[in-house]
């Protein structure tokens, strides 16, 4: 009985871990996209400053 419970718990934890990995990948992708947008925005502002002067 104890062995079956441990196996069931391990299976549950593996599913949870898989879901967490997916969530982390999504958060990483969003963060990277935000970095790209921020970097592009900073470059655009720099170009506007150069064009004004």
PDB file of N, CA and C in Angstrom:
ATOM      1  N   UNK A   1       0.822  -1.198   0.000  1.00  0.00           N
ATOM      2  CA  UNK A   1       0.000   0.000   0.000  1.00  0.00           C
ATOM      3  C   UNK A   1       0.866   1.262   0.000  1.00  0.00           C
ATOM      4  N   UNK A   2       1.869   1.302   0.853  1.00  0.00           N
ATOM      5  CA  UNK A   2       2.734   2.475   0.930  1.00  0.00           C
ATOM      6  C   UNK A   2       3.458   2.722  -0.393  1.00  0.00           C
ATOM      7  N   UNK A   3       3.891   1.656  -1.034  1.00  0.00           N
ATOM      8  CA  UNK A   3       4.594   1.776  -2.321  1.00  0.00           C
ATOM      9  C   UNK A   3       3.680   2.404  -3.375  1.00  0.00           C
ATOM     10  N   UNK A   4       2.428   1.961  -3.437  1.00  0.00           N
ATOM     11  CA  UNK A   4       1.486   2.522  -4.407  1.00  0.00           C
ATOM     12  C   UNK A   4       1.252   4.003  -4.145  1.00  0.00           C
ATOM     13  N   UNK A   5       1.164   4.380  -2.889  1.00  0.00           N
ATOM     14  CA  UNK A   5       0.954   5.776  -2.540  1.00  0.00           C
ATOM     15  C   UNK A   5       2.149   6.628  -2.962  1.00  0.00           C
ATOM     16  N   UNK A   6       3.344   6.103  -2.743  1.00  0.00           N
ATOM     17  CA  UNK A   6       4.544   6.829  -3.157  1.00  0.00           C
ATOM     18  C   UNK A   6       4.590   6.999  -4.676  1.00  0.00           C
ATOM     19  N   UNK A   7       4.252   5.937  -5.386  1.00  0.00           N
ATOM     20  CA  UNK A   7       4.248   6.018  -6.850  1.00  0.00           C
ATOM     21  C   UNK A   7       3.219   7.049  -7.314  1.00  0.00           C
ATOM     22  N   UNK A   8       2.042   7.050  -6.698  1.00  0.00           N
ATOM     23  CA  UNK A   8       1.003   8.015  -7.044  1.00  0.00           C
ATOM     24  C   UNK A   8       1.471   9.443  -6.746  1.00  0.00           C
ATOM     25  N   UNK A   9       2.131   9.611  -5.606  1.00  0.00           N
ATOM     26  CA  UNK A   9       2.642  10.936  -5.245  1.00  0.00           C
ATOM     27  C   UNK A   9       3.706  11.412  -6.228  1.00  0.00           C
ATOM     28  N   UNK A  10       4.568  10.500  -6.619  1.00  0.00           N
ATOM     29  CA  UNK A  10       5.610  10.852  -7.593  1.00  0.00           C
ATOM     30  C   UNK A  10       4.972  11.265  -8.916  1.00  0.00           C
ATOM     31  N   UNK A  11       3.990  10.523  -9.369  1.00  0.00           N
ATOM     32  CA  UNK A  11       3.312  10.859 -10.629  1.00  0.00           C
ATOM     33  C   UNK A  11       2.671  12.234 -10.536  1.00  0.00           C
ATOM     34  N   UNK A  12       2.045  12.509  -9.405  1.00  0.00           N
ATOM     35  CA  UNK A  12       1.417  13.821  -9.199  1.00  0.00           C
ATOM     36  C   UNK A  12       2.472  14.923  -9.235  1.00  0.00           C
ATOM     37  N   UNK A  13       3.579  14.719  -8.533  1.00  0.00           N
ATOM     38  CA  UNK A  13       4.644  15.718  -8.497  1.00  0.00           C
ATOM     39  C   UNK A  13       5.250  15.938  -9.880  1.00  0.00           C
ATOM     40  N   UNK A  14       5.375  14.878 -10.662  1.00  0.00           N
ATOM     41  CA  UNK A  14       5.915  15.018 -12.016  1.00  0.00           C
ATOM     42  C   UNK A  14       4.986  15.860 -12.884  1.00  0.00           C
ATOM     43  N   UNK A  15       3.672  15.651 -12.741  1.00  0.00           N
ATOM     44  CA  UNK A  15       2.714  16.471 -13.497  1.00  0.00           C
ATOM     45  C   UNK A  15       2.798  17.931 -13.064  1.00  0.00           C
ATOM     46  N   UNK A  16       2.888  18.145 -11.762  1.00  0.00           N
ATOM     47  CA  UNK A  16       3.008  19.513 -11.243  1.00  0.00           C
ATOM     48  C   UNK A  16       4.281  20.175 -11.765  1.00  0.00           C
ATOM     49  N   UNK A  17       5.378  19.441 -11.748  1.00  0.00           N
ATOM     50  CA  UNK A  17       6.645  19.970 -12.230  1.00  0.00           C
ATOM     51  C   UNK A  17       6.552  20.325 -13.711  1.00  0.00           C
ATOM     52  N   UNK A  18       5.921  19.470 -14.473  1.00  0.00           N
ATOM     53  CA  UNK A  18       5.741  19.733 -15.899  1.00  0.00           C
ATOM     54  C   UNK A  18       4.953  21.027 -16.116  1.00  0.00           C
ATOM     55  N   UNK A  19       3.886  21.215 -15.340  1.00  0.00           N
ATOM     56  CA  UNK A  19       3.093  22.437 -15.450  1.00  0.00           C
ATOM     57  C   UNK A  19       3.913  23.667 -15.056  1.00  0.00           C
ATOM     58  N   UNK A  20       4.723  23.530 -14.023  1.00  0.00           N
ATOM     59  CA  UNK A  20       5.567  24.645 -13.581  1.00  0.00           C
ATOM     60  C   UNK A  20       6.600  25.002 -14.639  1.00  0.00           C
ATOM     61  N   UNK A  21       7.162  23.985 -15.297  1.00  0.00           N
ATOM     62  CA  UNK A  21       8.141  24.245 -16.359  1.00  0.00           C
ATOM     63  C   UNK A  21       7.496  24.994 -17.519  1.00  0.00           C
ATOM     64  N   UNK A  22       6.263  24.613 -17.858  1.00  0.00           N
ATOM     65  CA  UNK A  22       5.544  25.312 -18.931  1.00  0.00           C
ATOM     66  C   UNK A  22       5.295  26.765 -18.550  1.00  0.00           C
ATOM     67  N   UNK A  23       4.883  26.977 -17.310  1.00  0.00           N
ATOM     68  CA  UNK A  23       4.614  28.329 -16.835  1.00  0.00           C
ATOM     69  C   UNK A  23       5.887  29.169 -16.836  1.00  0.00           C
ATOM     70  N   UNK A  24       6.987  28.569 -16.403  1.00  0.00           N
ATOM     71  CA  UNK A  24       8.266  29.274 -16.399  1.00  0.00           C
ATOM     72  C   UNK A  24       8.695  29.641 -17.821  1.00  0.00           C
ATOM     73  N   UNK A  25       8.519  28.727 -18.748  1.00  0.00           N
ATOM     74  CA  UNK A  25       8.871  29.011 -20.142  1.00  0.00           C
ATOM     75  C   UNK A  25       8.039  30.165 -20.679  1.00  0.00           C
ATOM     76  N   UNK A  26       6.762  30.199 -20.332  1.00  0.00           N
ATOM     77  CA  UNK A  26       5.888  31.287 -20.770  1.00  0.00           C
ATOM     78  C   UNK A  26       6.337  32.611 -20.158  1.00  0.00           C
ATOM     79  N   UNK A  27       6.642  32.609 -18.874  1.00  0.00           N
ATOM     80  CA  UNK A  27       7.114  33.832 -18.219  1.00  0.00           C
ATOM     81  C   UNK A  27       8.435  34.302 -18.808  1.00  0.00           C
ATOM     82  N   UNK A  28       9.339  33.364 -19.089  1.00  0.00           N
ATOM     83  CA  UNK A  28      10.620  33.725 -19.712  1.00  0.00           C
ATOM     84  C   UNK A  28      10.403  34.349 -21.089  1.00  0.00           C
ATOM     85  N   UNK A  29       9.499  33.780 -21.863  1.00  0.00           N
ATOM     86  CA  UNK A  29       9.217  34.311 -23.200  1.00  0.00           C
ATOM     87  C   UNK A  29       8.642  35.719 -23.111  1.00  0.00           C
ATOM     88  N   UNK A  30       7.739  35.921 -22.165  1.00  0.00           N
ATOM     89  CA  UNK A  30       7.168  37.270 -21.980  1.00  0.00           C
ATOM     90  C   UNK A  30       8.240  38.256 -21.564  1.00  0.00           C
ATOM     91  N   UNK A  31       9.119  37.833 -20.655  1.00  0.00           N
ATOM     92  CA  UNK A  31      10.183  38.710 -20.180  1.00  0.00           C
ATOM     93  C   UNK A  31      11.122  39.081 -21.330  1.00  0.00           C
ATOM     94  N   UNK A  32      11.490  38.082 -22.132  1.00  0.00           N
ATOM     95  CA  UNK A  32      12.378  38.352 -23.272  1.00  0.00           C
ATOM     96  C   UNK A  32      11.712  39.305 -24.260  1.00  0.00           C
ATOM     97  N   UNK A  33      10.425  39.104 -24.508  1.00  0.00           N
ATOM     98  CA  UNK A  33       9.704  39.994 -25.428  1.00  0.00           C
ATOM     99  C   UNK A  33       9.689  41.418 -24.878  1.00  0.00           C
ATOM    100  N   UNK A  34       9.483  41.556 -23.579  1.00  0.00           N
ATOM    101  CA  UNK A  34       9.480  42.885 -22.962  1.00  0.00           C
ATOM    102  C   UNK A  34      10.853  43.533 -23.065  1.00  0.00           C
ATOM    103  N   UNK A  35      11.906  42.747 -22.921  1.00  0.00           N
ATOM    104  CA  UNK A  35      13.255  43.283 -23.055  1.00  0.00           C
ATOM    105  C   UNK A  35      13.489  43.799 -24.471  1.00  0.00           C
ATOM    106  N   UNK A  36      12.988  43.069 -25.456  1.00  0.00           N
ATOM    107  CA  UNK A  36      13.130  43.489 -26.855  1.00  0.00           C
ATOM    108  C   UNK A  36      12.398  44.805 -27.080  1.00  0.00           C
ATOM    109  N   UNK A  37      11.175  44.901 -26.571  1.00  0.00           N
ATOM    110  CA  UNK A  37      10.375  46.125 -26.728  1.00  0.00           C
ATOM    111  C   UNK A  37      11.062  47.290 -26.026  1.00  0.00           C
ATOM    112  N   UNK A  38      11.549  47.062 -24.816  1.00  0.00           N
ATOM    113  CA  UNK A  38      12.231  48.120 -24.059  1.00  0.00           C
ATOM    114  C   UNK A  38      13.488  48.574 -24.785  1.00  0.00           C
ATOM    115  N   UNK A  39      14.264  47.619 -25.271  1.00  0.00           N
ATOM    116  CA  UNK A  39      15.502  47.948 -25.980  1.00  0.00           C
ATOM    117  C   UNK A  39      15.194  48.733 -27.253  1.00  0.00           C
ATOM    118  N   UNK A  40      14.174  48.306 -28.002  1.00  0.00           N
ATOM    119  CA  UNK A  40      13.791  49.000 -29.228  1.00  0.00           C
ATOM    120  C   UNK A  40      13.337  50.414 -28.904  1.00  0.00           C
ATOM    121  N   UNK A  41      12.570  50.572 -27.845  1.00  0.00           N
ATOM    122  CA  UNK A  41      12.084  51.889 -27.438  1.00  0.00           C
ATOM    123  C   UNK A  41      13.248  52.814 -27.091  1.00  0.00           C
ATOM    124  N   UNK A  42      14.225  52.285 -26.373  1.00  0.00           N
ATOM    125  CA  UNK A  42      15.392  53.088 -26.011  1.00  0.00           C
ATOM    126  C   UNK A  42      16.181  53.481 -27.255  1.00  0.00           C
ATOM    127  N   UNK A  43      16.300  52.564 -28.206  1.00  0.00           N
ATOM    128  CA  UNK A  43      17.005  52.879 -29.457  1.00  0.00           C
ATOM    129  C   UNK A  43      16.259  53.945 -30.245  1.00  0.00           C
ATOM    130  N   UNK A  44      14.930  53.835 -30.301  1.00  0.00           N
ATOM    131  CA  UNK A  44      14.126  54.828 -31.006  1.00  0.00           C
ATOM    132  C   UNK A  44      14.295  56.211 -30.375  1.00  0.00           C
ATOM    133  N   UNK A  45      14.306  56.261 -29.041  1.00  0.00           N
ATOM    134  CA  UNK A  45      14.492  57.539 -28.350  1.00  0.00           C
ATOM    135  C   UNK A  45      15.876  58.112 -28.638  1.00  0.00           C
ATOM    136  N   UNK A  46      16.878  57.276 -28.705  1.00  0.00           N
ATOM    137  CA  UNK A  46      18.237  57.729 -28.998  1.00  0.00           C
ATOM    138  C   UNK A  46      18.302  58.297 -30.410  1.00  0.00           C
ATOM    139  N   UNK A  47      17.656  57.625 -31.341  1.00  0.00           N
ATOM    140  CA  UNK A  47      17.660  58.115 -32.720  1.00  0.00           C
ATOM    141  C   UNK A  47      16.940  59.453 -32.835  1.00  0.00           C
ATOM    142  N   UNK A  48      15.843  59.608 -32.118  1.00  0.00           N
ATOM    143  CA  UNK A  48      15.103  60.873 -32.153  1.00  0.00           C
ATOM    144  C   UNK A  48      15.965  61.998 -31.582  1.00  0.00           C
ATOM    145  N   UNK A  49      16.729  61.718 -30.527  1.00  0.00           N
ATOM    146  CA  UNK A  49      17.586  62.725 -29.931  1.00  0.00           C
ATOM    147  C   UNK A  49      18.673  63.140 -30.920  1.00  0.00           C
ATOM    148  N   UNK A  50      19.256  62.167 -31.607  1.00  0.00           N
ATOM    149  CA  UNK A  50      20.319  62.461 -32.585  1.00  0.00           C
ATOM    150  C   UNK A  50      19.755  63.286 -33.730  1.00  0.00           C
ATOM    151  N   UNK A  51      18.558  62.942 -34.207  1.00  0.00           N
ATOM    152  CA  UNK A  51      17.963  63.676 -35.310  1.00  0.00           C
ATOM    153  C   UNK A  51      17.618  65.113 -34.927  1.00  0.00           C
ATOM    154  N   UNK A  52      17.274  65.346 -33.665  1.00  0.00           N
ATOM    155  CA  UNK A  52      16.921  66.694 -33.217  1.00  0.00           C
ATOM    156  C   UNK A  52      18.145  67.590 -33.095  1.00  0.00           C
ATOM    157  N   UNK A  53      19.302  67.010 -32.848  1.00  0.00           N
ATOM    158  CA  UNK A  53      20.504  67.819 -32.608  1.00  0.00           C
ATOM    159  C   UNK A  53      21.451  67.762 -33.725  1.00  0.00           C
TER     160      UNK A  53
END
